[in-house]
C-alpha atoms as a PDB file:
ATOM      1  CA  MET A   1     144.578 109.409  78.316  1.00  0.00           C
ATOM      2  CA  GLN A   2     145.245 108.299  81.886  1.00  0.00           C
ATOM      3  CA  ARG A   3     148.703 109.869  81.717  1.00  0.00           C
ATOM      4  CA  ARG A   4     147.107 113.143  80.590  1.00  0.00           C
ATOM      5  CA  ILE A   5     144.629 113.034  83.457  1.00  0.00           C
ATOM      6  CA  ALA A   6     147.446 112.293  85.922  1.00  0.00           C
ATOM      7  CA  ASP A   7     149.484 115.233  84.621  1.00  0.00           C
ATOM      8  CA  LEU A   8     146.493 117.586  84.927  1.00  0.00           C
ATOM      9  CA  THR A   9     145.811 116.341  88.457  1.00  0.00           C
ATOM     10  CA  ALA A  10     149.440 116.874  89.469  1.00  0.00           C
ATOM     11  CA  ALA A  11     149.438 120.375  87.956  1.00  0.00           C
ATOM     12  CA  GLU A  12     146.226 121.213  89.813  1.00  0.00           C
ATOM     13  CA  GLU A  13     147.711 119.958  93.084  1.00  0.00           C
ATOM     14  CA  ARG A  14     150.852 122.054  92.556  1.00  0.00           C
ATOM     15  CA  LEU A  15     148.737 125.119  91.841  1.00  0.00           C
ATOM     16  CA  HIS A  16     146.642 124.493  94.957  1.00  0.00           C
ATOM     17  CA  PHE A  17     149.796 124.114  97.063  1.00  0.00           C
ATOM     18  CA  THR A  18     151.311 127.307  95.621  1.00  0.00           C
ATOM     19  CA  LEU A  19     148.174 129.322  96.323  1.00  0.00           C
ATOM     20  CA  LYS A  20     147.909 127.956  99.859  1.00  0.00           C
ATOM     21  CA  ALA A  21     151.601 128.529 100.631  1.00  0.00           C
ATOM     22  CA  GLY A  22     151.379 132.102  99.380  1.00  0.00           C
ATOM     23  CA  GLY A  23     148.141 132.826 101.237  1.00  0.00           C
ATOM     24  CA  LEU A  24     146.452 133.606  97.932  1.00  0.00           C
ATOM     25  CA  GLY A  25     142.691 133.303  97.755  1.00  0.00           C
ATOM     26  CA  THR A  26     141.044 133.102  94.341  1.00  0.00           C
ATOM     27  CA  TRP A  27     137.763 134.587  93.171  1.00  0.00           C
ATOM     28  CA  THR A  28     135.683 135.198  90.059  1.00  0.00           C
ATOM     29  CA  LEU A  29     133.060 137.887  89.583  1.00  0.00           C
ATOM     30  CA  ASP A  30     130.256 137.609  87.042  1.00  0.00           C
ATOM     31  CA  VAL A  31     130.182 141.353  86.332  1.00  0.00           C
ATOM     32  CA  PRO A  32     126.734 141.767  84.693  1.00  0.00           C
ATOM     33  CA  ASN A  33     124.989 139.696  87.387  1.00  0.00           C
ATOM     34  CA  GLN A  34     127.307 140.748  90.269  1.00  0.00           C
ATOM     35  CA  ARG A  35     127.699 137.104  91.254  1.00  0.00           C
ATOM     36  CA  LEU A  36     130.889 136.389  93.203  1.00  0.00           C
ATOM     37  CA  VAL A  37     132.461 132.940  93.599  1.00  0.00           C
ATOM     38  CA  VAL A  38     135.386 132.691  96.035  1.00  0.00           C
ATOM     39  CA  SER A  39     137.745 130.011  97.311  1.00  0.00           C
ATOM     40  CA  ALA A  40     137.941 128.938 100.947  1.00  0.00           C
ATOM     41  CA  LEU A  41     141.253 130.774 101.349  1.00  0.00           C
ATOM     42  CA  CYS A  42     139.728 133.947  99.920  1.00  0.00           C
ATOM     43  CA  LYS A  43     136.960 133.647 102.495  1.00  0.00           C
ATOM     44  CA  ALA A  44     139.615 133.207 105.199  1.00  0.00           C
ATOM     45  CA  ASN A  45     141.328 136.401 104.047  1.00  0.00           C
ATOM     46  CA  PHE A  46     138.051 138.203 104.724  1.00  0.00           C
ATOM     47  CA  GLY A  47     137.571 136.524 108.111  1.00  0.00           C
ATOM     48  CA  ARG A  48     135.000 133.950 106.977  1.00  0.00           C
ATOM     49  CA  GLY A  49     134.880 130.199 107.374  1.00  0.00           C
ATOM     50  CA  PRO A  50     134.824 127.725 104.443  1.00  0.00           C
ATOM     51  CA  SER A  51     131.051 127.161 104.787  1.00  0.00           C
ATOM     52  CA  ASP A  52     130.130 130.840 105.310  1.00  0.00           C
ATOM     53  CA  GLU A  53     128.244 132.749 102.648  1.00  0.00           C
ATOM     54  CA  PHE A  54     130.330 135.463 101.012  1.00  0.00           C
ATOM     55  CA  GLY A  55     128.748 137.210  98.053  1.00  0.00           C
ATOM     56  CA  TYR A  56     129.375 140.463  96.231  1.00  0.00           C
ATOM     57  CA  GLN A  57     127.309 142.461  98.746  1.00  0.00           C
ATOM     58  CA  ASP A  58     129.272 140.897 101.618  1.00  0.00           C
ATOM     59  CA  LEU A  59     132.506 141.940  99.904  1.00  0.00           C
ATOM     60  CA  GLN A  60     131.328 145.524  99.503  1.00  0.00           C
ATOM     61  CA  SER A  61     130.074 145.832 103.078  1.00  0.00           C
ATOM     62  CA  SER A  62     133.402 144.570 104.443  1.00  0.00           C
ATOM     63  CA  ILE A  63     135.402 147.412 102.879  1.00  0.00           C
ATOM     64  CA  HIS A  64     136.408 150.151 105.304  1.00  0.00           C
ATOM     65  CA  PRO A  65     134.172 153.213 104.734  1.00  0.00           C
ATOM     66  CA  GLU A  66     137.175 155.501 104.211  1.00  0.00           C
ATOM     67  CA  ASP A  67     138.548 153.187 101.481  1.00  0.00           C
ATOM     68  CA  TYR A  68     135.255 152.396  99.748  1.00  0.00           C
ATOM     69  CA  PRO A  69     135.225 155.431  97.374  1.00  0.00           C
ATOM     70  CA  ARG A  70     138.779 154.610  96.250  1.00  0.00           C
ATOM     71  CA  TRP A  71     137.777 150.961  95.697  1.00  0.00           C
ATOM     72  CA  GLN A  72     134.807 152.056  93.582  1.00  0.00           C
ATOM     73  CA  GLN A  73     136.953 154.436  91.513  1.00  0.00           C
ATOM     74  CA  THR A  74     139.665 151.826  90.918  1.00  0.00           C
ATOM     75  CA  LEU A  75     137.123 149.158  89.939  1.00  0.00           C
ATOM     76  CA  ARG A  76     135.360 151.532  87.538  1.00  0.00           C
ATOM     77  CA  ALA A  77     138.665 152.471  85.904  1.00  0.00           C
ATOM     78  CA  ALA A  78     139.514 148.800  85.389  1.00  0.00           C
ATOM     79  CA  LEU A  79     136.135 147.960  83.835  1.00  0.00           C
ATOM     80  CA  GLU A  80     136.255 151.003  81.556  1.00  0.00           C
ATOM     81  CA  GLY A  81     139.930 150.547  80.680  1.00  0.00           C
ATOM     82  CA  ASP A  82     142.194 147.576  80.080  1.00  0.00           C
ATOM     83  CA  GLY A  83     140.611 145.391  82.753  1.00  0.00           C
ATOM     84  CA  GLU A  84     143.648 145.307  85.071  1.00  0.00           C
ATOM     85  CA  PHE A  85     142.506 145.677  88.681  1.00  0.00           C
ATOM     86  CA  HIS A  86     145.036 146.220  91.506  1.00  0.00           C
ATOM     87  CA  ILE A  87     144.267 147.787  94.868  1.00  0.00           C
ATOM     88  CA  GLU A  88     145.164 147.620  98.558  1.00  0.00           C
ATOM     89  CA  TYR A  89     142.504 148.531 101.102  1.00  0.00           C
ATOM     90  CA  ARG A  90     141.296 147.946 104.636  1.00  0.00           C
ATOM     91  CA  ILE A  91     138.479 145.597 105.547  1.00  0.00           C
ATOM     92  CA  ASN A  92     136.434 145.106 108.696  1.00  0.00           C
ATOM     93  CA  LEU A  93     136.162 141.506 109.840  1.00  0.00           C
ATOM     94  CA  PRO A  94     132.952 140.156 111.404  1.00  0.00           C
ATOM     95  CA  THR A  95     134.858 140.129 114.706  1.00  0.00           C
ATOM     96  CA  GLY A  96     135.414 143.888 114.454  1.00  0.00           C
ATOM     97  CA  ASP A  97     139.149 143.562 113.745  1.00  0.00           C
ATOM     98  CA  LEU A  98     140.810 145.555 110.959  1.00  0.00           C
ATOM     99  CA  ARG A  99     142.787 143.869 108.201  1.00  0.00           C
ATOM    100  CA  TRP A 100     144.594 144.973 105.034  1.00  0.00           C
ATOM    101  CA  ILE A 101     143.853 143.164 101.749  1.00  0.00           C
ATOM    102  CA  GLU A 102     145.594 143.303  98.372  1.00  0.00           C
ATOM    103  CA  ILE A 103     143.542 142.470  95.278  1.00  0.00           C
ATOM    104  CA  ARG A 104     144.836 141.751  91.758  1.00  0.00           C
ATOM    105  CA  ALA A 105     142.577 140.745  88.869  1.00  0.00           C
ATOM    106  CA  GLN A 106     142.032 140.675  85.117  1.00  0.00           C
ATOM    107  CA  THR A 107     138.796 141.243  83.229  1.00  0.00           C
ATOM    108  CA  ARG A 108     137.398 139.365  80.240  1.00  0.00           C
ATOM    109  CA  PHE A 109     135.381 141.483  77.765  1.00  0.00           C
ATOM    110  CA  ASP A 110     133.048 140.691  74.868  1.00  0.00           C
ATOM    111  CA  ASP A 111     133.504 142.064  71.353  1.00  0.00           C
ATOM    112  CA  GLN A 112     131.896 145.374  72.332  1.00  0.00           C
ATOM    113  CA  HIS A 113     134.301 145.742  75.291  1.00  0.00           C
ATOM    114  CA  ARG A 114     131.546 144.981  77.756  1.00  0.00           C
ATOM    115  CA  PRO A 115     132.935 143.318  80.915  1.00  0.00           C
ATOM    116  CA  LEU A 116     131.916 139.693  81.338  1.00  0.00           C
ATOM    117  CA  THR A 117     133.992 138.250  84.177  1.00  0.00           C
ATOM    118  CA  MET A 118     136.738 139.457  86.453  1.00  0.00           C
ATOM    119  CA  SER A 119     139.053 136.858  87.996  1.00  0.00           C
ATOM    120  CA  GLY A 120     141.769 137.451  90.530  1.00  0.00           C
ATOM    121  CA  ILE A 121     143.474 136.768  93.822  1.00  0.00           C
ATOM    122  CA  SER A 122     143.271 138.171  97.362  1.00  0.00           C
ATOM    123  CA  LEU A 123     146.151 138.409  99.818  1.00  0.00           C
ATOM    124  CA  ASP A 124     146.229 139.409 103.487  1.00  0.00           C
ATOM    125  CA  ILE A 125     148.952 142.097 103.736  1.00  0.00           C
ATOM    126  CA  THR A 126     148.219 143.246 107.302  1.00  0.00           C
ATOM    127  CA  GLU A 127     151.681 142.365 108.644  1.00  0.00           C
ATOM    128  CA  ARG A 128     153.374 144.234 105.797  1.00  0.00           C
ATOM    129  CA  LYS A 129     151.263 147.343 106.360  1.00  0.00           C
ATOM    130  CA  GLU A 130     151.949 147.277 110.100  1.00  0.00           C
ATOM    131  CA  ALA A 131     155.694 146.952 109.398  1.00  0.00           C
ATOM    132  CA  GLU A 132     155.520 149.922 107.005  1.00  0.00           C
ATOM    133  CA  ALA A 133     153.701 152.004 109.616  1.00  0.00           C
ATOM    134  CA  TYR A 134     156.295 151.061 112.240  1.00  0.00           C
ATOM    135  CA  ARG A 135     159.201 152.004 109.950  1.00  0.00           C
ATOM    136  CA  MET A 136     157.549 155.362 109.264  1.00  0.00           C
ATOM    137  CA  LEU A 137     157.124 155.963 112.998  1.00  0.00           C
ATOM    138  CA  VAL A 138     160.773 155.059 113.648  1.00  0.00           C
ATOM    139  CA  THR A 139     161.908 157.392 110.859  1.00  0.00           C
ATOM    140  CA  GLN A 140     159.848 160.255 112.286  1.00  0.00           C
ATOM    141  CA  GLU A 141     161.099 159.512 115.771  1.00  0.00           C
ATOM    142  CA  MET A 142     164.732 159.415 114.627  1.00  0.00           C
ATOM    143  CA  GLY A 143     164.478 162.746 112.814  1.00  0.00           C
ATOM    144  CA  HIS A 144     162.749 164.310 115.801  1.00  0.00           C
ATOM    145  CA  ARG A 145     165.308 162.897 118.219  1.00  0.00           C
ATOM    146  CA  ILE A 146     168.227 164.215 116.143  1.00  0.00           C
ATOM    147  CA  LYS A 147     166.729 167.726 116.180  1.00  0.00           C
ATOM    148  CA  ASN A 148     166.164 167.508 119.920  1.00  0.00           C
ATOM    149  CA  THR A 149     169.690 166.247 120.512  1.00  0.00           C
ATOM    150  CA  LEU A 150     171.194 169.160 118.581  1.00  0.00           C
ATOM    151  CA  ALA A 151     168.986 171.597 120.507  1.00  0.00           C
ATOM    152  CA  THR A 152     170.054 169.971 123.779  1.00  0.00           C
ATOM    153  CA  VAL A 153     173.759 170.201 122.913  1.00  0.00           C
ATOM    154  CA  GLN A 154     173.273 173.854 122.036  1.00  0.00           C
ATOM    155  CA  SER A 155     171.566 174.422 125.389  1.00  0.00           C
ATOM    156  CA  ILE A 156     174.339 172.566 127.255  1.00  0.00           C
ATOM    157  CA  VAL A 157     176.988 174.768 125.700  1.00  0.00           C
ATOM    158  CA  SER A 158     174.926 177.924 126.296  1.00  0.00           C
ATOM    159  CA  GLN A 159     174.293 177.103 129.968  1.00  0.00           C
ATOM    160  CA  SER A 160     177.933 176.184 130.498  1.00  0.00           C
ATOM    161  CA  LEU A 161     179.121 179.465 128.990  1.00  0.00           C
ATOM    162  CA  ARG A 162     176.909 181.415 131.396  1.00  0.00           C
ATOM    163  CA  ALA A 163     178.913 179.966 134.279  1.00  0.00           C
ATOM    164  CA  GLU A 164     181.989 181.995 133.115  1.00  0.00           C
ATOM    165  CA  LEU A 165     184.423 179.194 133.912  1.00  0.00           C
ATOM    166  CA  PRO A 166     188.105 179.063 132.894  1.00  0.00           C
ATOM    167  CA  SER A 167     188.493 177.604 129.400  1.00  0.00           C
ATOM    168  CA  ASN A 168     190.035 174.292 130.543  1.00  0.00           C
ATOM    169  CA  GLU A 169     187.285 173.747 133.129  1.00  0.00           C
ATOM    170  CA  LEU A 170     184.614 174.822 130.646  1.00  0.00           C
ATOM    171  CA  ARG A 171     185.787 172.206 128.156  1.00  0.00           C
ATOM    172  CA  LYS A 172     185.590 169.553 130.874  1.00  0.00           C
ATOM    173  CA  VAL A 173     182.087 170.560 131.953  1.00  0.00           C
ATOM    174  CA  VAL A 174     180.765 170.613 128.374  1.00  0.00           C
ATOM    175  CA  ALA A 175     182.369 167.230 127.609  1.00  0.00           C
ATOM    176  CA  GLU A 176     180.907 165.656 130.756  1.00  0.00           C
ATOM    177  CA  ARG A 177     177.412 166.938 130.001  1.00  0.00           C
ATOM    178  CA  ILE A 178     177.516 165.761 126.393  1.00  0.00           C
ATOM    179  CA  GLU A 179     178.769 162.367 127.597  1.00  0.00           C
ATOM    180  CA  ALA A 180     175.823 162.236 129.995  1.00  0.00           C
ATOM    181  CA  LEU A 181     173.507 163.009 127.092  1.00  0.00           C
ATOM    182  CA  SER A 182     175.029 160.096 125.168  1.00  0.00           C
ATOM    183  CA  GLY A 183     174.513 157.846 128.168  1.00  0.00           C
ATOM    184  CA  ALA A 184     170.837 158.756 128.283  1.00  0.00           C
ATOM    185  CA  HIS A 185     170.460 157.527 124.704  1.00  0.00           C
ATOM    186  CA  ASP A 186     172.281 154.246 125.393  1.00  0.00           C
ATOM    187  CA  ILE A 187     169.260 152.854 127.194  1.00  0.00           C
ATOM    188  CA  LEU A 188     167.256 153.011 123.967  1.00  0.00           C
ATOM    189  CA  ALA A 189     169.719 150.724 122.194  1.00  0.00           C
ATOM    190  CA  GLU A 190     169.914 148.108 124.929  1.00  0.00           C
ATOM    191  CA  ASP A 191     167.972 144.972 124.082  1.00  0.00           C
ATOM    192  CA  ASP A 192     169.774 142.272 126.047  1.00  0.00           C
ATOM    193  CA  TRP A 193     167.669 142.539 129.176  1.00  0.00           C
ATOM    194  CA  ASP A 194     163.963 142.262 129.955  1.00  0.00           C
ATOM    195  CA  VAL A 195     163.505 144.606 132.913  1.00  0.00           C
ATOM    196  CA  ALA A 196     165.038 147.816 134.246  1.00  0.00           C
ATOM    197  CA  GLY A 197     164.838 149.879 137.382  1.00  0.00           C
ATOM    198  CA  LEU A 198     162.349 152.752 137.293  1.00  0.00           C
ATOM    199  CA  ARG A 199     164.594 155.164 139.208  1.00  0.00           C
ATOM    200  CA  GLN A 200     167.592 154.269 137.054  1.00  0.00           C
ATOM    201  CA  THR A 201     165.527 154.889 133.915  1.00  0.00           C
ATOM    202  CA  ILE A 202     164.400 158.311 135.131  1.00  0.00           C
ATOM    203  CA  GLU A 203     167.834 159.397 136.362  1.00  0.00           C
ATOM    204  CA  ARG A 204     169.608 158.263 133.194  1.00  0.00           C
ATOM    205  CA  ALA A 205     167.056 159.960 130.958  1.00  0.00           C
ATOM    206  CA  LEU A 206     167.353 163.284 132.775  1.00  0.00           C
ATOM    207  CA  ARG A 207     171.044 163.272 133.795  1.00  0.00           C
ATOM    208  CA  PRO A 208     172.245 165.532 130.937  1.00  0.00           C
ATOM    209  CA  PHE A 209     169.651 168.133 131.922  1.00  0.00           C
ATOM    210  CA  ASN A 210     170.342 167.975 135.651  1.00  0.00           C
ATOM    211  CA  ALA A 211     173.976 169.007 135.995  1.00  0.00           C
ATOM    212  CA  ASP A 212     172.973 171.846 138.315  1.00  0.00           C
ATOM    213  CA  GLY A 213     170.574 169.695 140.364  1.00  0.00           C
ATOM    214  CA  ARG A 214     167.365 171.515 139.450  1.00  0.00           C
ATOM    215  CA  ILE A 215     165.433 168.335 138.626  1.00  0.00           C
ATOM    216  CA  HIS A 216     164.233 166.577 141.793  1.00  0.00           C
ATOM    217  CA  TYR A 217     162.962 162.983 142.030  1.00  0.00           C
ATOM    218  CA  PHE A 218     160.492 161.552 144.527  1.00  0.00           C
ATOM    219  CA  GLY A 219     159.155 157.988 144.542  1.00  0.00           C
ATOM    220  CA  PRO A 220     159.893 154.310 145.213  1.00  0.00           C
ATOM    221  CA  ASP A 221     161.948 152.133 142.899  1.00  0.00           C
ATOM    222  CA  MET A 222     160.452 149.184 141.026  1.00  0.00           C
ATOM    223  CA  GLU A 223     161.225 146.912 138.111  1.00  0.00           C
ATOM    224  CA  ILE A 224     159.645 147.838 134.774  1.00  0.00           C
ATOM    225  CA  ARG A 225     159.607 146.183 131.373  1.00  0.00           C
ATOM    226  CA  HIS A 226     162.278 147.148 128.848  1.00  0.00           C
ATOM    227  CA  ALA A 227     159.658 148.483 126.409  1.00  0.00           C
ATOM    228  CA  VAL A 228     158.277 150.735 129.145  1.00  0.00           C
ATOM    229  CA  SER A 229     161.784 151.886 130.122  1.00  0.00           C
ATOM    230  CA  SER A 230     162.639 152.819 126.519  1.00  0.00           C
ATOM    231  CA  THR A 231     159.392 154.686 125.874  1.00  0.00           C
ATOM    232  CA  LEU A 232     159.509 156.444 129.256  1.00  0.00           C
ATOM    233  CA  THR A 233     163.066 157.557 128.468  1.00  0.00           C
ATOM    234  CA  LEU A 234     161.858 159.098 125.206  1.00  0.00           C
ATOM    235  CA  ALA A 235     158.982 160.888 126.946  1.00  0.00           C
ATOM    236  CA  LEU A 236     161.147 162.285 129.749  1.00  0.00           C
ATOM    237  CA  HIS A 237     163.812 163.321 127.269  1.00  0.00           C
ATOM    238  CA  GLU A 238     161.154 165.158 125.267  1.00  0.00           C
ATOM    239  CA  LEU A 239     159.778 166.919 128.355  1.00  0.00           C
ATOM    240  CA  ALA A 240     163.268 167.905 129.508  1.00  0.00           C
ATOM    241  CA  THR A 241     164.279 169.168 126.069  1.00  0.00           C
ATOM    242  CA  ASN A 242     161.188 171.366 125.924  1.00  0.00           C
ATOM    243  CA  ALA A 243     161.889 172.587 129.466  1.00  0.00           C
ATOM    244  CA  VAL A 244     165.422 173.566 128.401  1.00  0.00           C
ATOM    245  CA  LYS A 245     164.256 175.337 125.245  1.00  0.00           C
ATOM    246  CA  TYR A 246     161.100 177.027 126.512  1.00  0.00           C
ATOM    247  CA  GLY A 247     160.261 176.102 130.100  1.00  0.00           C
ATOM    248  CA  ALA A 248     161.567 175.992 133.631  1.00  0.00           C
ATOM    249  CA  LEU A 249     165.119 174.978 132.665  1.00  0.00           C
ATOM    250  CA  SER A 250     165.536 177.726 130.059  1.00  0.00           C
ATOM    251  CA  GLY A 251     166.518 180.247 132.741  1.00  0.00           C
ATOM    252  CA  ASP A 252     168.493 180.127 135.970  1.00  0.00           C
ATOM    253  CA  ASP A 253     165.700 180.020 138.561  1.00  0.00           C
ATOM    254  CA  GLY A 254     163.322 177.313 137.372  1.00  0.00           C
ATOM    255  CA  ARG A 255     163.210 173.717 138.567  1.00  0.00           C
ATOM    256  CA  VAL A 256     161.371 170.482 137.848  1.00  0.00           C
ATOM    257  CA  ARG A 257     159.718 168.048 140.238  1.00  0.00           C
ATOM    258  CA  VAL A 258     159.307 164.446 139.048  1.00  0.00           C
ATOM    259  CA  GLU A 259     157.183 162.385 141.409  1.00  0.00           C
ATOM    260  CA  TRP A 260     155.699 158.918 141.134  1.00  0.00           C
ATOM    261  CA  SER A 261     153.620 156.818 143.481  1.00  0.00           C
ATOM    262  CA  LEU A 262     151.858 153.465 143.713  1.00  0.00           C
ATOM    263  CA  GLN A 263     148.156 153.853 144.407  1.00  0.00           C
ATOM    264  CA  GLU A 264     146.640 150.414 145.083  1.00  0.00           C
ATOM    265  CA  GLU A 265     147.104 148.680 141.709  1.00  0.00           C
ATOM    266  CA  ASP A 266     147.880 151.856 139.745  1.00  0.00           C
ATOM    267  CA  PHE A 267     151.065 153.756 138.986  1.00  0.00           C
ATOM    268  CA  VAL A 268     151.003 157.571 138.745  1.00  0.00           C
ATOM    269  CA  LEU A 269     153.906 159.755 137.575  1.00  0.00           C
ATOM    270  CA  THR A 270     153.829 163.549 137.402  1.00  0.00           C
ATOM    271  CA  TRP A 271     156.201 166.146 135.943  1.00  0.00           C
ATOM    272  CA  ASP A 272     155.826 169.702 137.242  1.00  0.00           C
ATOM    273  CA  GLU A 273     157.817 172.728 136.109  1.00  0.00           C
ATOM    274  CA  ILE A 274     158.189 175.552 138.630  1.00  0.00           C
ATOM    275  CA  GLY A 275     159.717 179.021 138.445  1.00  0.00           C
ATOM    276  CA  GLY A 276     160.124 179.251 134.688  1.00  0.00           C
ATOM    277  CA  PRO A 277     158.724 181.795 132.233  1.00  0.00           C
ATOM    278  CA  PRO A 278     154.927 181.983 131.742  1.00  0.00           C
ATOM    279  CA  VAL A 279     153.736 179.069 129.614  1.00  0.00           C
ATOM    280  CA  THR A 280     151.894 179.593 126.348  1.00  0.00           C
ATOM    281  CA  PRO A 281     150.051 176.518 124.990  1.00  0.00           C
ATOM    282  CA  PRO A 282     151.352 175.439 121.556  1.00  0.00           C
ATOM    283  CA  THR A 283     149.211 176.288 118.537  1.00  0.00           C
ATOM    284  CA  ARG A 284     149.677 172.832 117.010  1.00  0.00           C
ATOM    285  CA  THR A 285     150.513 169.320 118.227  1.00  0.00           C
ATOM    286  CA  GLY A 286     153.898 168.135 116.991  1.00  0.00           C
ATOM    287  CA  PHE A 287     155.413 164.661 116.860  1.00  0.00           C
ATOM    288  CA  GLY A 288     156.998 165.099 120.280  1.00  0.00           C
ATOM    289  CA  SER A 289     153.699 165.946 121.955  1.00  0.00           C
ATOM    290  CA  ARG A 290     151.975 163.015 120.291  1.00  0.00           C
ATOM    291  CA  MET A 291     154.769 160.733 121.391  1.00  0.00           C
ATOM    292  CA  ILE A 292     154.675 161.684 125.094  1.00  0.00           C
ATOM    293  CA  GLU A 293     150.878 161.458 125.183  1.00  0.00           C
ATOM    294  CA  LYS A 294     149.894 158.655 122.820  1.00  0.00           C
ATOM    295  CA  VAL A 295     152.891 156.344 122.393  1.00  0.00           C
ATOM    296  CA  LEU A 296     153.722 156.100 126.095  1.00  0.00           C
ATOM    297  CA  SER A 297     150.080 155.717 127.130  1.00  0.00           C
ATOM    298  CA  ALA A 298     149.696 152.876 124.611  1.00  0.00           C
ATOM    299  CA  THR A 299     152.861 151.158 125.868  1.00  0.00           C
ATOM    300  CA  VAL A 300     151.683 151.178 129.491  1.00  0.00           C
ATOM    301  CA  GLU A 301     147.983 150.656 128.649  1.00  0.00           C
ATOM    302  CA  GLY A 302     147.109 153.824 130.530  1.00  0.00           C
ATOM    303  CA  SER A 303     146.653 157.547 129.977  1.00  0.00           C
ATOM    304  CA  ALA A 304     149.152 160.377 129.560  1.00  0.00           C
ATOM    305  CA  THR A 305     148.272 164.066 129.403  1.00  0.00           C
ATOM    306  CA  VAL A 306     150.167 167.351 129.127  1.00  0.00           C
ATOM    307  CA  ASP A 307     148.626 170.439 130.745  1.00  0.00           C
ATOM    308  CA  TYR A 308     150.203 173.749 129.668  1.00  0.00           C
ATOM    309  CA  ARG A 309     149.528 175.654 132.872  1.00  0.00           C
ATOM    310  CA  ARG A 310     150.674 179.266 132.859  1.00  0.00           C
ATOM    311  CA  GLN A 311     152.873 178.725 135.935  1.00  0.00           C
ATOM    312  CA  GLY A 312     154.547 175.656 134.432  1.00  0.00           C
ATOM    313  CA  VAL A 313     153.982 172.546 132.328  1.00  0.00           C
ATOM    314  CA  HIS A 314     152.276 169.665 134.133  1.00  0.00           C
ATOM    315  CA  TYR A 315     152.495 166.102 132.791  1.00  0.00           C
ATOM    316  CA  GLU A 316     150.696 163.117 134.264  1.00  0.00           C
ATOM    317  CA  LEU A 317     150.978 159.423 133.458  1.00  0.00           C
ATOM    318  CA  ARG A 318     148.561 156.857 134.890  1.00  0.00           C
ATOM    319  CA  ALA A 319     148.803 153.127 134.263  1.00  0.00           C
ATOM    320  CA  PRO A 320     148.094 149.769 135.901  1.00  0.00           C
ATOM    321  CA  LEU A 321     151.114 148.356 137.711  1.00  0.00           C
ATOM    322  CA  MET A 322     150.815 145.088 135.814  1.00  0.00           C
ATOM    323  CA  ALA A 323     151.322 146.880 132.476  1.00  0.00           C
ATOM    324  CA  LEU A 324     154.587 148.432 133.704  1.00  0.00           C
ATOM    325  CA  SER A 325     156.113 145.356 135.288  1.00  0.00           C
ATOM    326  CA  GLY A 326     154.536 142.552 133.336  1.00  0.00           C
ATOM    327  CA  SER A 327     153.415 140.930 136.578  1.00  0.00           C
ATOM    328  CA  GLY A 328     150.677 141.475 139.081  1.00  0.00           C
ATOM    329  CA  PRO A 329     151.049 142.184 142.811  1.00  0.00           C
ATOM    330  CA  GLY A 330     152.824 139.351 144.493  1.00  0.00           C
ATOM    331  CA  ARG A 331     154.033 137.857 141.168  1.00  0.00           C
ATOM    332  CA  GLY A 332     157.574 139.118 140.859  1.00  0.00           C
ATOM    333  CA  LEU A 333     156.917 142.826 141.305  1.00  0.00           C
ATOM    334  CA  SER A 334     159.948 144.341 142.973  1.00  0.00           C
ATOM    335  CA  ILE A 335     159.399 147.579 144.892  1.00  0.00           C
ATOM    336  CA  SER A 336     161.784 149.269 147.305  1.00  0.00           C
ATOM    337  CA  LYS A 337     161.837 152.601 149.058  1.00  0.00           C
END
């Protein structure tokens, strides 16, 4: 008898360890009475402490409003069907944070197929969902960047042909410009350094578009974080590509002015297109526009806006200096004229 008790205790300890190691909370729902009993780890998955109350109403109120109808539909289908319940949905923690939860459960029925109890597990899958969202963003970005690169190469060849150069010199010019375009992309693959120069970032990003010197830079140099350098490169590359396809750089007379300044503890960068064709605001916001407005502004903890002025596109980025450099004034911030 004692051996049997010892074996059951050991099995229970192994089960407890497995659930804890896997982050699996357990719960049981008395369906007719809507009485929910949960483990401490299940409470933790929902942002509660071991001694906090967490009943069926608390569970329902924690579900994100946009996911609640789907949760109701899935639960109803399980209770009216084979009893298998599996769903992933967002929850709001008491702190206001958002978290993703996966639920799996089985239902026990009586002889008339009336649900008695539902027992299952809960798992915090927030990190997995964030990784999936990041991979989707990278995939979108890669497809968009490939299209832009092809459009830029086409523009390089077209602009070079307008120069009416001898064939041997034309080949050299086209090769040099395409090589410059490749160099602008190299900065996005570099991950062996923590900081970069702002001026170097801007010049490298725009070099393939500035063979004829129509993009002008004004502003002091400073060290910026690698993440900022990479995202700024993407934004500038997007702006320049659009300028080549539709804006000031699509003809022979337009030019671009890129200017940045340090205003007390803030950094301000502007992009102004001058002398190009009249600008027509786009009818829809594409991935590129979202990237140069939302992704960059999030990276630098600031704001980024595009203004489609008729005389030329105007872009403005505002951010605290600390967010760009990773240090405050007097704490390693390097600025030179």
